[in-house]
Amino acid sequence: MKTLEERLAARLKELRGEESQRSYAKKLGISHVALNQMEQGQENVTLRTLGILCRALRCDIADLFPPPEK
């Protein structure tokens, strides 16, 4: 089973698509370094950062974490 970090990483990569990390991070209101670390599953994401992502993406926090694979 994937960890929460891995699930968030996969979802952010999916949402970003072909857009550059730098450009996508700017749209999200975070640094490209933070986005890179999140996409690598290396960032200890705070509730504040999750809130920023949800507002920018106009989604619920649950939408950032795809269901675990069985």
PDB file of N, CA and C in Angstrom:
ATOM      1  N   MET A   1       0.844  -1.171   0.000  1.00  0.00           N
ATOM      2  CA  MET A   1       0.000   0.000   0.000  1.00  0.00           C
ATOM      3  C   MET A   1       0.896   1.244   0.000  1.00  0.00           C
ATOM      4  N   LYS A   2       0.498   2.223  -0.807  1.00  0.00           N
ATOM      5  CA  LYS A   2       1.274   3.467  -0.882  1.00  0.00           C
ATOM      6  C   LYS A   2       1.058   4.314   0.363  1.00  0.00           C
ATOM      7  N   THR A   3       2.104   5.060   0.729  1.00  0.00           N
ATOM      8  CA  THR A   3       2.009   5.990   1.846  1.00  0.00           C
ATOM      9  C   THR A   3       1.219   7.227   1.415  1.00  0.00           C
ATOM     10  N   LEU A   4       0.818   8.037   2.385  1.00  0.00           N
ATOM     11  CA  LEU A   4       0.137   9.290   2.058  1.00  0.00           C
ATOM     12  C   LEU A   4       1.025  10.181   1.200  1.00  0.00           C
ATOM     13  N   GLU A   5       2.319  10.210   1.508  1.00  0.00           N
ATOM     14  CA  GLU A   5       3.258  11.032   0.735  1.00  0.00           C
ATOM     15  C   GLU A   5       3.288  10.576  -0.728  1.00  0.00           C
ATOM     16  N   GLU A   6       3.294   9.277  -0.949  1.00  0.00           N
ATOM     17  CA  GLU A   6       3.329   8.738  -2.308  1.00  0.00           C
ATOM     18  C   GLU A   6       2.022   9.016  -3.042  1.00  0.00           C
ATOM     19  N   ARG A   7       0.912   8.917  -2.327  1.00  0.00           N
ATOM     20  CA  ARG A   7      -0.382   9.197  -2.951  1.00  0.00           C
ATOM     21  C   ARG A   7      -0.505  10.664  -3.331  1.00  0.00           C
ATOM     22  N   LEU A   8      -0.060  11.570  -2.458  1.00  0.00           N
ATOM     23  CA  LEU A   8      -0.084  12.999  -2.774  1.00  0.00           C
ATOM     24  C   LEU A   8       0.852  13.295  -3.937  1.00  0.00           C
ATOM     25  N   ALA A   9       2.030  12.707  -3.931  1.00  0.00           N
ATOM     26  CA  ALA A   9       3.000  12.916  -5.015  1.00  0.00           C
ATOM     27  C   ALA A   9       2.405  12.524  -6.358  1.00  0.00           C
ATOM     28  N   ALA A  10       1.783  11.363  -6.406  1.00  0.00           N
ATOM     29  CA  ALA A  10       1.196  10.882  -7.661  1.00  0.00           C
ATOM     30  C   ALA A  10       0.073  11.805  -8.132  1.00  0.00           C
ATOM     31  N   ARG A  11      -0.745  12.266  -7.200  1.00  0.00           N
ATOM     32  CA  ARG A  11      -1.873  13.136  -7.563  1.00  0.00           C
ATOM     33  C   ARG A  11      -1.389  14.491  -8.077  1.00  0.00           C
ATOM     34  N   LEU A  12      -0.395  15.065  -7.416  1.00  0.00           N
ATOM     35  CA  LEU A  12       0.129  16.354  -7.872  1.00  0.00           C
ATOM     36  C   LEU A  12       0.752  16.240  -9.259  1.00  0.00           C
ATOM     37  N   LYS A  13       1.474  15.157  -9.507  1.00  0.00           N
ATOM     38  CA  LYS A  13       2.064  14.943 -10.838  1.00  0.00           C
ATOM     39  C   LYS A  13       0.965  14.809 -11.879  1.00  0.00           C
ATOM     40  N   GLU A  14      -0.088  14.081 -11.518  1.00  0.00           N
ATOM     41  CA  GLU A  14      -1.219  13.897 -12.429  1.00  0.00           C
ATOM     42  C   GLU A  14      -1.881  15.229 -12.753  1.00  0.00           C
ATOM     43  N   LEU A  15      -2.130  16.026 -11.731  1.00  0.00           N
ATOM     44  CA  LEU A  15      -2.782  17.321 -11.940  1.00  0.00           C
ATOM     45  C   LEU A  15      -1.911  18.288 -12.736  1.00  0.00           C
ATOM     46  N   ARG A  16      -0.605  18.230 -12.529  1.00  0.00           N
ATOM     47  CA  ARG A  16       0.316  19.138 -13.232  1.00  0.00           C
ATOM     48  C   ARG A  16       0.405  18.788 -14.705  1.00  0.00           C
ATOM     49  N   GLY A  17       0.327  17.517 -15.023  1.00  0.00           N
ATOM     50  CA  GLY A  17       0.417  17.091 -16.417  1.00  0.00           C
ATOM     51  C   GLY A  17       1.761  17.449 -17.020  1.00  0.00           C
ATOM     52  N   GLU A  18       1.734  18.075 -18.171  1.00  0.00           N
ATOM     53  CA  GLU A  18       2.950  18.437 -18.903  1.00  0.00           C
ATOM     54  C   GLU A  18       3.486  19.818 -18.534  1.00  0.00           C
ATOM     55  N   GLU A  19       2.755  20.533 -17.695  1.00  0.00           N
ATOM     56  CA  GLU A  19       3.181  21.875 -17.294  1.00  0.00           C
ATOM     57  C   GLU A  19       4.460  21.790 -16.454  1.00  0.00           C
ATOM     58  N   SER A  20       5.326  22.774 -16.584  1.00  0.00           N
ATOM     59  CA  SER A  20       6.571  22.759 -15.811  1.00  0.00           C
ATOM     60  C   SER A  20       6.271  22.915 -14.323  1.00  0.00           C
ATOM     61  N   GLN A  21       7.145  22.369 -13.503  1.00  0.00           N
ATOM     62  CA  GLN A  21       6.982  22.509 -12.062  1.00  0.00           C
ATOM     63  C   GLN A  21       7.002  23.973 -11.650  1.00  0.00           C
ATOM     64  N   ARG A  22       7.878  24.734 -12.252  1.00  0.00           N
ATOM     65  CA  ARG A  22       8.010  26.147 -11.907  1.00  0.00           C
ATOM     66  C   ARG A  22       6.705  26.903 -12.172  1.00  0.00           C
ATOM     67  N   SER A  23       6.128  26.686 -13.331  1.00  0.00           N
ATOM     68  CA  SER A  23       4.884  27.359 -13.705  1.00  0.00           C
ATOM     69  C   SER A  23       3.721  26.887 -12.836  1.00  0.00           C
ATOM     70  N   TYR A  24       3.634  25.594 -12.623  1.00  0.00           N
ATOM     71  CA  TYR A  24       2.534  25.045 -11.832  1.00  0.00           C
ATOM     72  C   TYR A  24       2.636  25.498 -10.373  1.00  0.00           C
ATOM     73  N   ALA A  25       3.844  25.505  -9.839  1.00  0.00           N
ATOM     74  CA  ALA A  25       4.052  25.948  -8.456  1.00  0.00           C
ATOM     75  C   ALA A  25       3.598  27.400  -8.292  1.00  0.00           C
ATOM     76  N   LYS A  26       3.902  28.220  -9.289  1.00  0.00           N
ATOM     77  CA  LYS A  26       3.491  29.629  -9.230  1.00  0.00           C
ATOM     78  C   LYS A  26       1.970  29.737  -9.173  1.00  0.00           C
ATOM     79  N   LYS A  27       1.277  28.929  -9.971  1.00  0.00           N
ATOM     80  CA  LYS A  27      -0.188  28.932  -9.953  1.00  0.00           C
ATOM     81  C   LYS A  27      -0.731  28.481  -8.602  1.00  0.00           C
ATOM     82  N   LEU A  28      -0.018  27.551  -7.972  1.00  0.00           N
ATOM     83  CA  LEU A  28      -0.456  27.029  -6.684  1.00  0.00           C
ATOM     84  C   LEU A  28      -0.112  27.957  -5.525  1.00  0.00           C
ATOM     85  N   GLY A  29       0.825  28.870  -5.738  1.00  0.00           N
ATOM     86  CA  GLY A  29       1.227  29.782  -4.680  1.00  0.00           C
ATOM     87  C   GLY A  29       2.263  29.187  -3.743  1.00  0.00           C
ATOM     88  N   ILE A  30       3.054  28.245  -4.280  1.00  0.00           N
ATOM     89  CA  ILE A  30       4.130  27.631  -3.502  1.00  0.00           C
ATOM     90  C   ILE A  30       5.418  27.704  -4.323  1.00  0.00           C
ATOM     91  N   SER A  31       6.540  27.428  -3.685  1.00  0.00           N
ATOM     92  CA  SER A  31       7.812  27.449  -4.418  1.00  0.00           C
ATOM     93  C   SER A  31       7.949  26.192  -5.267  1.00  0.00           C
ATOM     94  N   HIS A  32       8.726  26.306  -6.341  1.00  0.00           N
ATOM     95  CA  HIS A  32       8.929  25.121  -7.172  1.00  0.00           C
ATOM     96  C   HIS A  32       9.733  24.063  -6.427  1.00  0.00           C
ATOM     97  N   VAL A  33      10.567  24.491  -5.475  1.00  0.00           N
ATOM     98  CA  VAL A  33      11.329  23.541  -4.656  1.00  0.00           C
ATOM     99  C   VAL A  33      10.360  22.715  -3.804  1.00  0.00           C
ATOM    100  N   ALA A  34       9.376  23.389  -3.198  1.00  0.00           N
ATOM    101  CA  ALA A  34       8.384  22.681  -2.386  1.00  0.00           C
ATOM    102  C   ALA A  34       7.588  21.704  -3.242  1.00  0.00           C
ATOM    103  N   LEU A  35       7.165  22.138  -4.431  1.00  0.00           N
ATOM    104  CA  LEU A  35       6.420  21.250  -5.319  1.00  0.00           C
ATOM    105  C   LEU A  35       7.270  20.057  -5.709  1.00  0.00           C
ATOM    106  N   ASN A  36       8.517  20.300  -6.044  1.00  0.00           N
ATOM    107  CA  ASN A  36       9.406  19.196  -6.405  1.00  0.00           C
ATOM    108  C   ASN A  36       9.515  18.191  -5.269  1.00  0.00           C
ATOM    109  N   GLN A  37       9.711  18.683  -4.061  1.00  0.00           N
ATOM    110  CA  GLN A  37       9.835  17.783  -2.916  1.00  0.00           C
ATOM    111  C   GLN A  37       8.535  17.029  -2.654  1.00  0.00           C
ATOM    112  N   MET A  38       7.398  17.691  -2.835  1.00  0.00           N
ATOM    113  CA  MET A  38       6.116  17.005  -2.666  1.00  0.00           C
ATOM    114  C   MET A  38       5.948  15.914  -3.717  1.00  0.00           C
ATOM    115  N   GLU A  39       6.334  16.223  -4.961  1.00  0.00           N
ATOM    116  CA  GLU A  39       6.205  15.238  -6.030  1.00  0.00           C
ATOM    117  C   GLU A  39       7.175  14.071  -5.856  1.00  0.00           C
ATOM    118  N   GLN A  40       8.211  14.272  -5.086  1.00  0.00           N
ATOM    119  CA  GLN A  40       9.163  13.195  -4.800  1.00  0.00           C
ATOM    120  C   GLN A  40       8.791  12.451  -3.514  1.00  0.00           C
ATOM    121  N   GLY A  41       7.754  12.930  -2.828  1.00  0.00           N
ATOM    122  CA  GLY A  41       7.346  12.316  -1.565  1.00  0.00           C
ATOM    123  C   GLY A  41       8.304  12.621  -0.433  1.00  0.00           C
ATOM    124  N   GLN A  42       9.052  13.727  -0.563  1.00  0.00           N
ATOM    125  CA  GLN A  42      10.072  14.072   0.421  1.00  0.00           C
ATOM    126  C   GLN A  42       9.699  15.267   1.287  1.00  0.00           C
ATOM    127  N   GLU A  43       8.549  15.857   1.054  1.00  0.00           N
ATOM    128  CA  GLU A  43       8.143  17.051   1.790  1.00  0.00           C
ATOM    129  C   GLU A  43       7.158  16.671   2.887  1.00  0.00           C
ATOM    130  N   ASN A  44       7.411  17.116   4.097  1.00  0.00           N
ATOM    131  CA  ASN A  44       6.478  16.931   5.191  1.00  0.00           C
ATOM    132  C   ASN A  44       5.448  18.057   5.084  1.00  0.00           C
ATOM    133  N   VAL A  45       4.380  17.802   4.385  1.00  0.00           N
ATOM    134  CA  VAL A  45       3.399  18.822   4.041  1.00  0.00           C
ATOM    135  C   VAL A  45       2.555  19.183   5.265  1.00  0.00           C
ATOM    136  N   THR A  46       2.450  20.476   5.520  1.00  0.00           N
ATOM    137  CA  THR A  46       1.654  20.955   6.653  1.00  0.00           C
ATOM    138  C   THR A  46       0.192  21.118   6.241  1.00  0.00           C
ATOM    139  N   LEU A  47      -0.656  21.231   7.244  1.00  0.00           N
ATOM    140  CA  LEU A  47      -2.066  21.505   6.965  1.00  0.00           C
ATOM    141  C   LEU A  47      -2.220  22.842   6.258  1.00  0.00           C
ATOM    142  N   ARG A  48      -1.393  23.794   6.603  1.00  0.00           N
ATOM    143  CA  ARG A  48      -1.434  25.105   5.944  1.00  0.00           C
ATOM    144  C   ARG A  48      -1.152  24.953   4.444  1.00  0.00           C
ATOM    145  N   THR A  49      -0.128  24.180   4.112  1.00  0.00           N
ATOM    146  CA  THR A  49       0.203  23.964   2.696  1.00  0.00           C
ATOM    147  C   THR A  49      -0.910  23.211   1.986  1.00  0.00           C
ATOM    148  N   LEU A  50      -1.486  22.214   2.639  1.00  0.00           N
ATOM    149  CA  LEU A  50      -2.610  21.496   2.036  1.00  0.00           C
ATOM    150  C   LEU A  50      -3.781  22.447   1.794  1.00  0.00           C
ATOM    151  N   GLY A  51      -3.993  23.375   2.714  1.00  0.00           N
ATOM    152  CA  GLY A  51      -5.043  24.377   2.537  1.00  0.00           C
ATOM    153  C   GLY A  51      -4.772  25.274   1.345  1.00  0.00           C
ATOM    154  N   ILE A  52      -3.521  25.673   1.168  1.00  0.00           N
ATOM    155  CA  ILE A  52      -3.130  26.502   0.019  1.00  0.00           C
ATOM    156  C   ILE A  52      -3.397  25.740  -1.278  1.00  0.00           C
ATOM    157  N   LEU A  53      -3.008  24.467  -1.296  1.00  0.00           N
ATOM    158  CA  LEU A  53      -3.231  23.651  -2.495  1.00  0.00           C
ATOM    159  C   LEU A  53      -4.718  23.516  -2.796  1.00  0.00           C
ATOM    160  N   CYS A  54      -5.513  23.246  -1.773  1.00  0.00           N
ATOM    161  CA  CYS A  54      -6.955  23.077  -1.971  1.00  0.00           C
ATOM    162  C   CYS A  54      -7.613  24.353  -2.488  1.00  0.00           C
ATOM    163  N   ARG A  55      -7.214  25.493  -1.943  1.00  0.00           N
ATOM    164  CA  ARG A  55      -7.777  26.758  -2.425  1.00  0.00           C
ATOM    165  C   ARG A  55      -7.385  27.015  -3.880  1.00  0.00           C
ATOM    166  N   ALA A  56      -6.117  26.786  -4.202  1.00  0.00           N
ATOM    167  CA  ALA A  56      -5.643  27.040  -5.562  1.00  0.00           C
ATOM    168  C   ALA A  56      -6.288  26.087  -6.570  1.00  0.00           C
ATOM    169  N   LEU A  57      -6.484  24.848  -6.149  1.00  0.00           N
ATOM    170  CA  LEU A  57      -7.054  23.844  -7.050  1.00  0.00           C
ATOM    171  C   LEU A  57      -8.575  23.775  -6.967  1.00  0.00           C
ATOM    172  N   ARG A  58      -9.142  24.546  -6.014  1.00  0.00           N
ATOM    173  CA  ARG A  58     -10.590  24.543  -5.788  1.00  0.00           C
ATOM    174  C   ARG A  58     -11.104  23.113  -5.611  1.00  0.00           C
ATOM    175  N   CYS A  59     -10.489  22.447  -4.641  1.00  0.00           N
ATOM    176  CA  CYS A  59     -10.863  21.069  -4.370  1.00  0.00           C
ATOM    177  C   CYS A  59     -10.890  20.819  -2.877  1.00  0.00           C
ATOM    178  N   ASP A  60     -11.394  19.675  -2.500  1.00  0.00           N
ATOM    179  CA  ASP A  60     -11.402  19.235  -1.117  1.00  0.00           C
ATOM    180  C   ASP A  60     -10.100  18.480  -0.844  1.00  0.00           C
ATOM    181  N   ILE A  61      -9.684  18.450   0.398  1.00  0.00           N
ATOM    182  CA  ILE A  61      -8.440  17.778   0.745  1.00  0.00           C
ATOM    183  C   ILE A  61      -8.451  16.310   0.301  1.00  0.00           C
ATOM    184  N   ALA A  62      -9.598  15.668   0.363  1.00  0.00           N
ATOM    185  CA  ALA A  62      -9.702  14.263  -0.049  1.00  0.00           C
ATOM    186  C   ALA A  62      -9.349  14.090  -1.531  1.00  0.00           C
ATOM    187  N   ASP A  63      -9.574  15.125  -2.330  1.00  0.00           N
ATOM    188  CA  ASP A  63      -9.273  15.045  -3.758  1.00  0.00           C
ATOM    189  C   ASP A  63      -7.773  14.977  -4.024  1.00  0.00           C
ATOM    190  N   LEU A  64      -6.953  15.355  -3.052  1.00  0.00           N
ATOM    191  CA  LEU A  64      -5.498  15.314  -3.221  1.00  0.00           C
ATOM    192  C   LEU A  64      -4.912  13.948  -2.915  1.00  0.00           C
ATOM    193  N   PHE A  65      -5.715  13.079  -2.329  1.00  0.00           N
ATOM    194  CA  PHE A  65      -5.227  11.760  -1.939  1.00  0.00           C
ATOM    195  C   PHE A  65      -6.070  10.681  -2.596  1.00  0.00           C
ATOM    196  N   PRO A  66      -5.620  10.153  -3.731  1.00  0.00           N
ATOM    197  CA  PRO A  66      -6.402   9.104  -4.385  1.00  0.00           C
ATOM    198  C   PRO A  66      -6.523   7.893  -3.454  1.00  0.00           C
ATOM    199  N   PRO A  67      -7.590   7.120  -3.630  1.00  0.00           N
ATOM    200  CA  PRO A  67      -7.753   5.952  -2.758  1.00  0.00           C
ATOM    201  C   PRO A  67      -6.575   4.990  -2.907  1.00  0.00           C
ATOM    202  N   PRO A  68      -6.247   4.302  -1.818  1.00  0.00           N
ATOM    203  CA  PRO A  68      -5.131   3.358  -1.896  1.00  0.00           C
ATOM    204  C   PRO A  68      -5.472   2.211  -2.851  1.00  0.00           C
ATOM    205  N   GLU A  69      -4.448   1.753  -3.523  1.00  0.00           N
ATOM    206  CA  GLU A  69      -4.616   0.611  -4.425  1.00  0.00           C
ATOM    207  C   GLU A  69      -4.653  -0.659  -3.606  1.00  0.00           C
ATOM    208  N   LYS A  70      -5.456  -1.577  -4.017  1.00  0.00           N
ATOM    209  CA  LYS A  70      -5.559  -2.850  -3.282  1.00  0.00           C
ATOM    210  C   LYS A  70      -4.733  -3.915  -3.928  1.00  0.00           C
TER     211      LYS A  70
END
